[in-house]
Amino acid sequence: KEGVYPYVCTYPGHGFVMYGAMYVTGKDMPALKDDPNIPPERKNDVSKNDNAHQHHPAGEIAHSYSEVPPYLYRIFIPDASPAAIAVNLPHNVSYCWDAGECRLRYAWQGDFLDNTNIWKGHHDSYGKILGTIFFRDKTAFPLQTDQHGNIPTVQFKGYQLIKRYPEFHYIIDGIEVYELIKQKEDGTGLIRTFRIPKTNRIIWFIVDADDDVQYQSSAGKWINGQLKLL
């Protein structure tokens, strides 16, 4: 049937630049510069070089179209498992959430990522963080059940977008947890919201005293530097 059929590479992260549209038509194809299925940013590249996406200047973020935060990449990134998710928030704040470990790994301020090496197909390459890391989770695991020091068994269940912010769903020791992370209004940190729909067990939020981060909570009770949530 005549029409325009979009396609995309489903390998993690590749679809942001590896995609296209297959035309089934008996008519003439549109010129590249006039093709409505090519983003404006890519049209500029095409007009210069058919292989322009392989020639990004050093440090330039390789991306085929403009994005407005919040948005995310399923990406390979340092100091995380291969199931990492990088999220860019408003006010130039970003974070790495590790779906393999079900935890926030670190957060940074400044520009987001340069994924050029990954897009070029370099083996064992990673996205390059373009900002300054201001937080790393140094705990054995940030949520612990029943008593301090009890490291839970975790299982990732996916995420849903709430006004384009990902809310991560995972299980710790049989307890369902939903975690939503946003930026502070002034861009100086993160707001982490945990939803735990049903449990009568004690849950601790664990912090590292040497992580140089100031914490505030809207619920629970701080005991010896750790937050008792339930």
C-alpha atoms as a PDB file:
ATOM      1  CA  LYS A   1       0.000   0.000   0.000  1.00  0.00           C
ATOM      2  CA  GLU A   2       1.317   3.428  -0.895  1.00  0.00           C
ATOM      3  CA  GLY A   3       2.476   5.517   2.009  1.00  0.00           C
ATOM      4  CA  VAL A   4       5.422   6.504   4.180  1.00  0.00           C
ATOM      5  CA  TYR A   5       6.563   3.853   6.659  1.00  0.00           C
ATOM      6  CA  PRO A   6       8.865   4.980   9.477  1.00  0.00           C
ATOM      7  CA  TYR A   7      11.489   2.624  10.902  1.00  0.00           C
ATOM      8  CA  VAL A   8      13.911   2.845  13.821  1.00  0.00           C
ATOM      9  CA  CYS A   9      16.858   0.918  15.238  1.00  0.00           C
ATOM     10  CA  THR A  10      15.749  -0.636  18.527  1.00  0.00           C
ATOM     11  CA  TYR A  11      19.255  -1.330  19.834  1.00  0.00           C
ATOM     12  CA  PRO A  12      19.540   0.645  23.121  1.00  0.00           C
ATOM     13  CA  GLY A  13      19.999   4.342  22.397  1.00  0.00           C
ATOM     14  CA  HIS A  14      20.529   4.000  18.639  1.00  0.00           C
ATOM     15  CA  GLY A  15      17.042   5.124  17.658  1.00  0.00           C
ATOM     16  CA  PHE A  16      17.812   8.760  18.444  1.00  0.00           C
ATOM     17  CA  VAL A  17      19.921   8.983  15.287  1.00  0.00           C
ATOM     18  CA  MET A  18      19.340   5.694  13.451  1.00  0.00           C
ATOM     19  CA  TYR A  19      15.896   5.961  11.921  1.00  0.00           C
ATOM     20  CA  GLY A  20      14.277   6.780   8.628  1.00  0.00           C
ATOM     21  CA  ALA A  21      11.184   6.568   6.449  1.00  0.00           C
ATOM     22  CA  MET A  22      10.538   4.078   3.657  1.00  0.00           C
ATOM     23  CA  TYR A  23       8.491   5.465   0.779  1.00  0.00           C
ATOM     24  CA  VAL A  24       6.152   3.254  -1.208  1.00  0.00           C
ATOM     25  CA  THR A  25       5.057   5.397  -4.131  1.00  0.00           C
ATOM     26  CA  GLY A  26       4.899   5.635  -7.875  1.00  0.00           C
ATOM     27  CA  LYS A  27       5.580   9.363  -7.686  1.00  0.00           C
ATOM     28  CA  ASP A  28       8.851  11.229  -7.536  1.00  0.00           C
ATOM     29  CA  MET A  29      10.674  11.259  -4.195  1.00  0.00           C
ATOM     30  CA  PRO A  30      10.942  14.654  -2.465  1.00  0.00           C
ATOM     31  CA  ALA A  31      14.318  16.351  -2.461  1.00  0.00           C
ATOM     32  CA  LEU A  32      16.225  15.745   0.785  1.00  0.00           C
ATOM     33  CA  LYS A  33      16.064  19.422   1.698  1.00  0.00           C
ATOM     34  CA  ASP A  34      12.273  19.397   1.280  1.00  0.00           C
ATOM     35  CA  ASP A  35      11.534  15.984   2.800  1.00  0.00           C
ATOM     36  CA  PRO A  36       9.053  16.446   5.712  1.00  0.00           C
ATOM     37  CA  ASN A  37      10.310  13.227   7.312  1.00  0.00           C
ATOM     38  CA  ILE A  38      13.825  14.564   7.891  1.00  0.00           C
ATOM     39  CA  PRO A  39      14.303  16.796  10.984  1.00  0.00           C
ATOM     40  CA  PRO A  40      15.545  20.351  10.322  1.00  0.00           C
ATOM     41  CA  GLU A  41      18.853  19.665  12.091  1.00  0.00           C
ATOM     42  CA  ARG A  42      19.519  16.651   9.891  1.00  0.00           C
ATOM     43  CA  LYS A  43      18.575  18.573   6.737  1.00  0.00           C
ATOM     44  CA  ASN A  44      21.397  21.000   7.451  1.00  0.00           C
ATOM     45  CA  ASP A  45      23.789  18.054   7.766  1.00  0.00           C
ATOM     46  CA  VAL A  46      22.506  16.413   4.593  1.00  0.00           C
ATOM     47  CA  SER A  47      22.970  19.584   2.599  1.00  0.00           C
ATOM     48  CA  LYS A  48      26.651  19.584   3.577  1.00  0.00           C
ATOM     49  CA  ASN A  49      27.539  15.918   3.539  1.00  0.00           C
ATOM     50  CA  ASP A  50      25.566  12.722   3.009  1.00  0.00           C
ATOM     51  CA  ASN A  51      27.530  11.144   5.861  1.00  0.00           C
ATOM     52  CA  ALA A  52      27.492  14.222   8.069  1.00  0.00           C
ATOM     53  CA  HIS A  53      26.459  12.353  11.192  1.00  0.00           C
ATOM     54  CA  GLN A  54      29.856  10.652  11.064  1.00  0.00           C
ATOM     55  CA  HIS A  55      31.664  14.002  11.163  1.00  0.00           C
ATOM     56  CA  HIS A  56      30.536  15.821  14.284  1.00  0.00           C
ATOM     57  CA  PRO A  57      33.186  18.189  15.632  1.00  0.00           C
ATOM     58  CA  ALA A  58      34.807  17.035  18.870  1.00  0.00           C
ATOM     59  CA  GLY A  59      32.570  17.747  21.858  1.00  0.00           C
ATOM     60  CA  GLU A  60      29.392  18.315  19.841  1.00  0.00           C
ATOM     61  CA  ILE A  61      26.382  16.362  21.047  1.00  0.00           C
ATOM     62  CA  ALA A  62      25.385  13.884  18.360  1.00  0.00           C
ATOM     63  CA  HIS A  63      21.630  14.137  18.092  1.00  0.00           C
ATOM     64  CA  SER A  64      19.327  14.210  15.126  1.00  0.00           C
ATOM     65  CA  TYR A  65      16.693  16.587  16.469  1.00  0.00           C
ATOM     66  CA  SER A  66      16.223  19.112  19.258  1.00  0.00           C
ATOM     67  CA  GLU A  67      14.869  17.920  22.590  1.00  0.00           C
ATOM     68  CA  VAL A  68      13.288  19.845  25.450  1.00  0.00           C
ATOM     69  CA  PRO A  69      13.986  18.507  28.971  1.00  0.00           C
ATOM     70  CA  PRO A  70      12.953  16.290  30.575  1.00  0.00           C
ATOM     71  CA  TYR A  71      13.968  13.460  28.254  1.00  0.00           C
ATOM     72  CA  LEU A  72      16.031  10.315  28.580  1.00  0.00           C
ATOM     73  CA  TYR A  73      18.421   7.948  26.840  1.00  0.00           C
ATOM     74  CA  ARG A  74      18.711   4.212  27.306  1.00  0.00           C
ATOM     75  CA  ILE A  75      22.478   4.405  27.092  1.00  0.00           C
ATOM     76  CA  PHE A  76      25.848   2.937  28.014  1.00  0.00           C
ATOM     77  CA  ILE A  77      27.414   5.277  30.559  1.00  0.00           C
ATOM     78  CA  PRO A  78      30.388   5.012  32.965  1.00  0.00           C
ATOM     79  CA  ASP A  79      30.043   3.598  36.486  1.00  0.00           C
ATOM     80  CA  ALA A  80      26.706   1.881  35.865  1.00  0.00           C
ATOM     81  CA  SER A  81      25.438  -1.441  34.568  1.00  0.00           C
ATOM     82  CA  PRO A  82      24.627  -1.890  30.843  1.00  0.00           C
ATOM     83  CA  ALA A  83      20.993  -1.159  31.788  1.00  0.00           C
ATOM     84  CA  ALA A  84      21.666   2.515  32.539  1.00  0.00           C
ATOM     85  CA  ILE A  85      19.144   5.266  31.849  1.00  0.00           C
ATOM     86  CA  ALA A  86      20.399   8.867  31.604  1.00  0.00           C
ATOM     87  CA  VAL A  87      17.800  11.570  32.213  1.00  0.00           C
ATOM     88  CA  ASN A  88      18.207  15.234  31.301  1.00  0.00           C
ATOM     89  CA  LEU A  89      16.134  17.581  33.477  1.00  0.00           C
ATOM     90  CA  PRO A  90      15.393  21.308  33.208  1.00  0.00           C
ATOM     91  CA  HIS A  91      17.914  23.772  34.691  1.00  0.00           C
ATOM     92  CA  ASN A  92      20.871  21.770  33.326  1.00  0.00           C
ATOM     93  CA  VAL A  93      20.551  18.962  35.884  1.00  0.00           C
ATOM     94  CA  SER A  94      20.924  15.309  34.831  1.00  0.00           C
ATOM     95  CA  TYR A  95      21.176  11.934  36.479  1.00  0.00           C
ATOM     96  CA  CYS A  96      22.011   8.296  35.810  1.00  0.00           C
ATOM     97  CA  TRP A  97      19.480   5.708  36.993  1.00  0.00           C
ATOM     98  CA  ASP A  98      20.668   2.110  36.905  1.00  0.00           C
ATOM     99  CA  ALA A  99      17.838  -0.245  35.946  1.00  0.00           C
ATOM    100  CA  GLY A 100      20.076  -3.249  36.526  1.00  0.00           C
ATOM    101  CA  GLU A 101      20.710  -2.235  40.135  1.00  0.00           C
ATOM    102  CA  CYS A 102      17.402  -0.345  40.667  1.00  0.00           C
ATOM    103  CA  ARG A 103      19.073   2.751  42.062  1.00  0.00           C
ATOM    104  CA  LEU A 104      20.163   6.307  41.366  1.00  0.00           C
ATOM    105  CA  ARG A 105      23.886   6.154  40.593  1.00  0.00           C
ATOM    106  CA  TYR A 106      24.926   9.797  40.289  1.00  0.00           C
ATOM    107  CA  ALA A 107      23.811  13.252  39.197  1.00  0.00           C
ATOM    108  CA  TRP A 108      25.549  16.116  37.446  1.00  0.00           C
ATOM    109  CA  GLN A 109      25.037  19.762  36.562  1.00  0.00           C
ATOM    110  CA  GLY A 110      25.850  21.396  33.238  1.00  0.00           C
ATOM    111  CA  ASP A 111      25.525  19.996  29.726  1.00  0.00           C
ATOM    112  CA  PHE A 112      24.069  16.529  29.215  1.00  0.00           C
ATOM    113  CA  LEU A 113      25.902  13.878  27.167  1.00  0.00           C
ATOM    114  CA  ASP A 114      28.111  13.524  24.122  1.00  0.00           C
ATOM    115  CA  ASN A 115      27.165  10.187  22.549  1.00  0.00           C
ATOM    116  CA  THR A 116      29.261  10.606  19.406  1.00  0.00           C
ATOM    117  CA  ASN A 117      31.423   7.520  19.952  1.00  0.00           C
ATOM    118  CA  ILE A 118      28.383   5.313  20.497  1.00  0.00           C
ATOM    119  CA  TRP A 119      26.611   6.634  17.403  1.00  0.00           C
ATOM    120  CA  LYS A 120      29.758   5.982  15.366  1.00  0.00           C
ATOM    121  CA  GLY A 121      29.662   2.360  16.440  1.00  0.00           C
ATOM    122  CA  HIS A 122      32.847   2.339  18.501  1.00  0.00           C
ATOM    123  CA  HIS A 123      33.125  -0.972  20.347  1.00  0.00           C
ATOM    124  CA  ASP A 124      32.781  -0.775  24.148  1.00  0.00           C
ATOM    125  CA  SER A 125      32.190   2.974  24.004  1.00  0.00           C
ATOM    126  CA  TYR A 126      30.260   5.080  26.500  1.00  0.00           C
ATOM    127  CA  GLY A 127      28.362   8.335  26.567  1.00  0.00           C
ATOM    128  CA  LYS A 128      30.563  11.158  27.821  1.00  0.00           C
ATOM    129  CA  ILE A 129      29.220  13.291  30.661  1.00  0.00           C
ATOM    130  CA  LEU A 130      29.549  16.971  29.769  1.00  0.00           C
ATOM    131  CA  GLY A 131      28.764  18.450  33.188  1.00  0.00           C
ATOM    132  CA  THR A 132      30.152  18.232  36.723  1.00  0.00           C
ATOM    133  CA  ILE A 133      29.050  15.363  38.961  1.00  0.00           C
ATOM    134  CA  PHE A 134      27.759  16.693  42.292  1.00  0.00           C
ATOM    135  CA  PHE A 135      26.355  13.463  43.772  1.00  0.00           C
ATOM    136  CA  ARG A 136      27.324   9.794  43.825  1.00  0.00           C
ATOM    137  CA  ASP A 137      25.458   7.159  45.776  1.00  0.00           C
ATOM    138  CA  LYS A 138      28.140   5.524  47.940  1.00  0.00           C
ATOM    139  CA  THR A 139      25.735   3.356  49.958  1.00  0.00           C
ATOM    140  CA  ALA A 140      25.412  -0.404  49.641  1.00  0.00           C
ATOM    141  CA  PHE A 141      21.800   0.308  48.635  1.00  0.00           C
ATOM    142  CA  PRO A 142      19.754   3.459  49.361  1.00  0.00           C
ATOM    143  CA  LEU A 143      16.547   1.686  50.508  1.00  0.00           C
ATOM    144  CA  GLN A 144      16.884  -1.021  53.135  1.00  0.00           C
ATOM    145  CA  THR A 145      14.122  -3.070  54.721  1.00  0.00           C
ATOM    146  CA  ASP A 146      13.374  -3.958  58.328  1.00  0.00           C
ATOM    147  CA  GLN A 147      16.696  -2.924  59.806  1.00  0.00           C
ATOM    148  CA  HIS A 148      19.715  -0.853  58.873  1.00  0.00           C
ATOM    149  CA  GLY A 149      22.241  -2.940  56.940  1.00  0.00           C
ATOM    150  CA  ASN A 150      19.742  -5.320  55.347  1.00  0.00           C
ATOM    151  CA  ILE A 151      20.601  -5.101  51.630  1.00  0.00           C
ATOM    152  CA  PRO A 152      17.465  -6.047  49.659  1.00  0.00           C
ATOM    153  CA  THR A 153      16.967  -8.295  46.674  1.00  0.00           C
ATOM    154  CA  VAL A 154      15.757  -6.073  43.827  1.00  0.00           C
ATOM    155  CA  GLN A 155      13.809  -6.510  40.598  1.00  0.00           C
ATOM    156  CA  PHE A 156      13.243  -3.834  37.960  1.00  0.00           C
ATOM    157  CA  LYS A 157       9.657  -3.597  36.670  1.00  0.00           C
ATOM    158  CA  GLY A 158       9.960  -0.729  34.186  1.00  0.00           C
ATOM    159  CA  TYR A 159       8.937   2.916  34.229  1.00  0.00           C
ATOM    160  CA  GLN A 160       6.125   5.199  33.144  1.00  0.00           C
ATOM    161  CA  LEU A 161       6.331   8.829  32.065  1.00  0.00           C
ATOM    162  CA  ILE A 162       4.499  11.345  34.224  1.00  0.00           C
ATOM    163  CA  LYS A 163       4.463  14.680  32.414  1.00  0.00           C
ATOM    164  CA  ARG A 164       7.574  13.346  30.627  1.00  0.00           C
ATOM    165  CA  TYR A 165       9.416  12.568  33.884  1.00  0.00           C
ATOM    166  CA  PRO A 166      10.176   8.839  34.284  1.00  0.00           C
ATOM    167  CA  GLU A 167       8.776   7.198  37.413  1.00  0.00           C
ATOM    168  CA  PHE A 168      10.740   3.991  38.008  1.00  0.00           C
ATOM    169  CA  HIS A 169       8.976   0.902  39.331  1.00  0.00           C
ATOM    170  CA  TYR A 170      10.953  -1.773  41.148  1.00  0.00           C
ATOM    171  CA  ILE A 171      10.634  -4.331  43.942  1.00  0.00           C
ATOM    172  CA  ILE A 172      12.827  -4.600  47.051  1.00  0.00           C
ATOM    173  CA  ASP A 173      12.404  -7.762  49.131  1.00  0.00           C
ATOM    174  CA  GLY A 174       8.883  -8.189  47.748  1.00  0.00           C
ATOM    175  CA  ILE A 175       7.875  -4.543  48.375  1.00  0.00           C
ATOM    176  CA  GLU A 176       6.793  -2.435  45.399  1.00  0.00           C
ATOM    177  CA  VAL A 177       8.495   0.958  45.109  1.00  0.00           C
ATOM    178  CA  TYR A 178       7.877   3.810  42.668  1.00  0.00           C
ATOM    179  CA  GLU A 179      10.579   6.471  42.419  1.00  0.00           C
ATOM    180  CA  LEU A 180      10.163   9.822  40.650  1.00  0.00           C
ATOM    181  CA  ILE A 181      13.128  12.192  40.363  1.00  0.00           C
ATOM    182  CA  LYS A 182      12.848  15.879  39.483  1.00  0.00           C
ATOM    183  CA  GLN A 183      15.095  18.911  39.667  1.00  0.00           C
ATOM    184  CA  LYS A 184      14.873  21.503  42.407  1.00  0.00           C
ATOM    185  CA  GLU A 185      13.307  24.724  41.143  1.00  0.00           C
ATOM    186  CA  ASP A 186      16.617  26.590  41.358  1.00  0.00           C
ATOM    187  CA  GLY A 187      18.545  23.731  39.730  1.00  0.00           C
ATOM    188  CA  THR A 188      20.787  23.132  42.766  1.00  0.00           C
ATOM    189  CA  GLY A 189      19.815  19.511  43.353  1.00  0.00           C
ATOM    190  CA  LEU A 190      17.242  16.760  43.028  1.00  0.00           C
ATOM    191  CA  ILE A 191      13.855  15.966  44.543  1.00  0.00           C
ATOM    192  CA  ARG A 192      13.293  12.220  44.935  1.00  0.00           C
ATOM    193  CA  THR A 193       9.732  11.069  45.561  1.00  0.00           C
ATOM    194  CA  PHE A 194       9.114   7.489  46.689  1.00  0.00           C
ATOM    195  CA  ARG A 195       5.688   5.852  46.486  1.00  0.00           C
ATOM    196  CA  ILE A 196       5.335   2.633  48.470  1.00  0.00           C
ATOM    197  CA  PRO A 197       1.672   1.646  48.034  1.00  0.00           C
ATOM    198  CA  LYS A 198       1.354  -1.176  50.532  1.00  0.00           C
ATOM    199  CA  THR A 199       3.631  -2.483  53.279  1.00  0.00           C
ATOM    200  CA  ASN A 200       3.751  -2.624  57.046  1.00  0.00           C
ATOM    201  CA  ARG A 201       7.494  -3.192  57.172  1.00  0.00           C
ATOM    202  CA  ILE A 202      10.117  -0.661  58.206  1.00  0.00           C
ATOM    203  CA  ILE A 203      12.004   0.952  55.314  1.00  0.00           C
ATOM    204  CA  TRP A 204      15.152   3.024  55.742  1.00  0.00           C
ATOM    205  CA  PHE A 205      16.552   5.611  53.340  1.00  0.00           C
ATOM    206  CA  ILE A 206      20.330   5.331  53.724  1.00  0.00           C
ATOM    207  CA  VAL A 207      22.785   8.153  53.074  1.00  0.00           C
ATOM    208  CA  ASP A 208      26.557   8.378  53.207  1.00  0.00           C
ATOM    209  CA  ALA A 209      27.866  10.952  55.662  1.00  0.00           C
ATOM    210  CA  ASP A 210      30.783  11.763  53.352  1.00  0.00           C
ATOM    211  CA  ASP A 211      28.860  12.438  50.128  1.00  0.00           C
ATOM    212  CA  ASP A 212      28.857  16.249  50.713  1.00  0.00           C
ATOM    213  CA  VAL A 213      25.098  16.446  50.085  1.00  0.00           C
ATOM    214  CA  GLN A 214      22.481  18.123  52.263  1.00  0.00           C
ATOM    215  CA  TYR A 215      19.235  16.167  52.697  1.00  0.00           C
ATOM    216  CA  GLN A 216      15.724  17.267  53.571  1.00  0.00           C
ATOM    217  CA  SER A 217      12.633  15.066  53.830  1.00  0.00           C
ATOM    218  CA  SER A 218       8.891  15.678  53.892  1.00  0.00           C
ATOM    219  CA  ALA A 219       8.162  12.444  55.765  1.00  0.00           C
ATOM    220  CA  GLY A 220       9.830   9.953  58.066  1.00  0.00           C
ATOM    221  CA  LYS A 221      12.219  10.512  60.954  1.00  0.00           C
ATOM    222  CA  TRP A 222      15.994  11.009  60.867  1.00  0.00           C
ATOM    223  CA  ILE A 223      17.785   8.674  63.292  1.00  0.00           C
ATOM    224  CA  ASN A 224      21.577   8.814  63.571  1.00  0.00           C
ATOM    225  CA  GLY A 225      21.850  10.325  60.099  1.00  0.00           C
ATOM    226  CA  GLN A 226      19.526   7.819  58.403  1.00  0.00           C
ATOM    227  CA  LEU A 227      15.871   8.320  57.460  1.00  0.00           C
ATOM    228  CA  LYS A 228      13.279   5.900  58.805  1.00  0.00           C
ATOM    229  CA  LEU A 229      10.433   6.078  56.279  1.00  0.00           C
ATOM    230  CA  LEU A 230       7.922   3.580  57.682  1.00  0.00           C
END
